[in-house]
Amino acid sequence: QVHLVESGGGLVPPGESLRLSCIGSNLSFGHYTMRWYRQTPGNQREGVADITPGGTTHYEDSVKGRFTISRDNTKNTVFLQMNNLKPEDTAVYYCNAIWSEVYLEFWGQGTQVTVSS
């Protein structure tokens, strides 16, 4: 059974940083595009950043220049370094793995990020 487990969330004041991690198990991690999504109550889940198997990255406009996604295929792990956090970054952050060619997609359980003074 595939598992994606996020960690690293927490409560921080504006301007601070957090680093989220997502560890995958029982999947061919190197074949998957890895994505971070976030969701606030009453809203749809939105994509924040993604990284392809080859390392190409994409970011949602509001996080460009502040967030960095990276991956370590030897450890089946994807990271999201979040700097200069803002209150509007407050959300539950979810890790997603997708291998489009074979229609496989998996989600983690989410980790709460709260930015507040």
Protein backbone atom coordinates (compact mmCIF):
# COMPACT_ATOMS: atom_id res chain seq x y z
CA GLN A 1 0.00 0.00 0.00
CA VAL A 2 1.34 3.42 -0.97
CA HIS A 3 1.84 5.96 1.79
CA LEU A 4 2.74 9.63 1.63
CA VAL A 5 3.49 11.15 5.02
CA GLU A 6 3.93 14.88 5.47
CA SER A 7 5.71 16.55 8.35
CA GLY A 8 7.13 19.92 9.29
CA GLY A 9 4.00 22.00 9.73
CA GLY A 10 3.44 24.26 12.70
CA LEU A 11 2.68 27.72 14.00
CA VAL A 12 5.06 30.53 13.09
CA PRO A 13 4.89 34.34 13.08
CA PRO A 14 4.85 36.24 9.78
CA GLY A 15 8.22 36.45 8.09
CA GLU A 16 9.49 33.17 9.46
CA SER A 17 10.25 29.92 7.63
CA LEU A 18 9.13 26.32 7.66
CA ARG A 19 10.31 23.28 5.76
CA LEU A 20 7.77 20.63 4.90
CA SER A 21 8.77 17.09 4.07
CA CYS A 22 6.84 14.28 2.45
CA ILE A 23 8.15 10.73 2.51
CA GLY A 24 6.73 8.17 0.14
CA SER A 25 6.70 4.43 0.63
CA ASN A 26 5.80 1.51 -1.62
CA LEU A 27 5.93 3.49 -4.85
CA SER A 28 8.42 4.03 -7.65
CA PHE A 29 9.10 7.52 -6.38
CA GLY A 30 11.37 8.56 -9.22
CA HIS A 31 8.59 8.13 -11.78
CA TYR A 32 6.20 10.54 -10.07
CA THR A 33 5.71 14.25 -10.40
CA MET A 34 5.47 15.46 -6.83
CA ARG A 35 3.19 18.34 -5.91
CA TRP A 36 2.31 20.36 -2.88
CA TYR A 37 -1.26 21.60 -2.54
CA ARG A 38 -2.90 23.63 0.19
CA GLN A 39 -6.45 24.04 1.36
CA THR A 40 -8.28 26.41 3.69
CA PRO A 41 -11.74 25.77 5.15
CA GLY A 42 -14.49 26.22 2.61
CA ASN A 43 -12.11 26.45 -0.33
CA GLN A 44 -10.86 24.09 -2.99
CA ARG A 45 -7.42 22.58 -2.78
CA GLU A 46 -4.96 24.66 -4.79
CA GLY A 47 -1.63 23.72 -6.26
CA VAL A 48 1.36 25.46 -4.73
CA ALA A 49 4.40 23.91 -6.37
CA ASP A 50 5.42 20.84 -8.29
CA ILE A 51 8.58 19.09 -9.40
CA THR A 52 8.88 16.59 -12.24
CA PRO A 53 10.96 13.41 -12.12
CA GLY A 54 13.64 15.31 -14.01
CA GLY A 55 13.64 18.18 -11.52
CA THR A 56 11.70 20.84 -13.43
CA THR A 57 9.76 23.02 -11.02
CA HIS A 58 6.64 25.17 -11.21
CA TYR A 59 5.16 27.55 -8.65
CA GLU A 60 1.87 29.26 -8.04
CA ASP A 61 2.31 33.01 -8.49
CA SER A 62 1.75 33.97 -4.86
CA VAL A 63 4.64 31.81 -3.63
CA LYS A 64 7.21 32.51 -6.33
CA GLY A 65 10.45 33.75 -4.81
CA ARG A 66 9.43 32.58 -1.33
CA PHE A 67 8.88 28.82 -1.65
CA THR A 68 11.26 26.22 -3.06
CA ILE A 69 10.33 22.67 -3.91
CA SER A 70 13.00 19.99 -4.13
CA ARG A 71 13.25 16.23 -4.09
CA ASP A 72 15.64 13.51 -3.03
CA ASN A 73 14.82 10.39 -5.01
CA THR A 74 17.30 8.33 -2.98
CA LYS A 75 15.18 8.98 0.09
CA ASN A 76 11.74 9.04 -1.58
CA THR A 77 11.27 12.51 -0.19
CA VAL A 78 9.99 15.83 -1.48
CA PHE A 79 10.51 19.09 0.38
CA LEU A 80 8.87 22.48 0.42
CA GLN A 81 11.03 25.23 1.87
CA MET A 82 8.75 28.13 2.77
CA ASN A 83 10.38 31.46 3.55
CA ASN A 84 8.93 34.85 4.44
CA LEU A 85 5.66 33.24 5.40
CA LYS A 86 2.51 35.36 5.35
CA PRO A 87 -0.80 34.92 7.16
CA GLU A 88 -2.43 34.05 3.84
CA ASP A 89 -0.16 31.01 3.62
CA THR A 90 -2.10 29.50 6.51
CA ALA A 91 -3.62 26.22 5.30
CA VAL A 92 -3.40 22.48 5.44
CA TYR A 93 -0.63 21.44 3.06
CA TYR A 94 -0.93 18.17 1.17
CA CYS A 95 1.64 16.13 -0.66
CA ASN A 96 0.59 14.59 -3.98
CA ALA A 97 2.28 12.05 -6.22
CA ILE A 98 1.11 11.63 -9.78
CA TRP A 99 2.31 9.39 -12.62
CA SER A 100 0.09 10.50 -15.43
CA GLU A 101 1.20 7.94 -18.00
CA VAL A 102 -0.17 5.06 -15.93
CA TYR A 103 -3.00 7.00 -14.21
CA LEU A 104 -1.66 6.63 -10.70
CA GLU A 105 -2.15 9.33 -8.09
CA PHE A 106 -1.76 9.37 -4.33
CA TRP A 107 -2.27 11.88 -1.52
CA GLY A 108 -0.86 12.40 1.92
CA GLN A 109 -2.93 13.17 4.98
CA GLY A 110 -1.90 16.81 5.24
CA THR A 111 0.01 18.98 7.68
CA GLN A 112 -1.24 22.22 9.19
CA VAL A 113 0.68 25.44 8.62
CA THR A 114 -0.44 28.46 10.61
CA VAL A 115 1.17 31.87 10.16
CA SER A 116 0.11 34.24 12.89
CA SER A 117 1.57 36.71 15.33
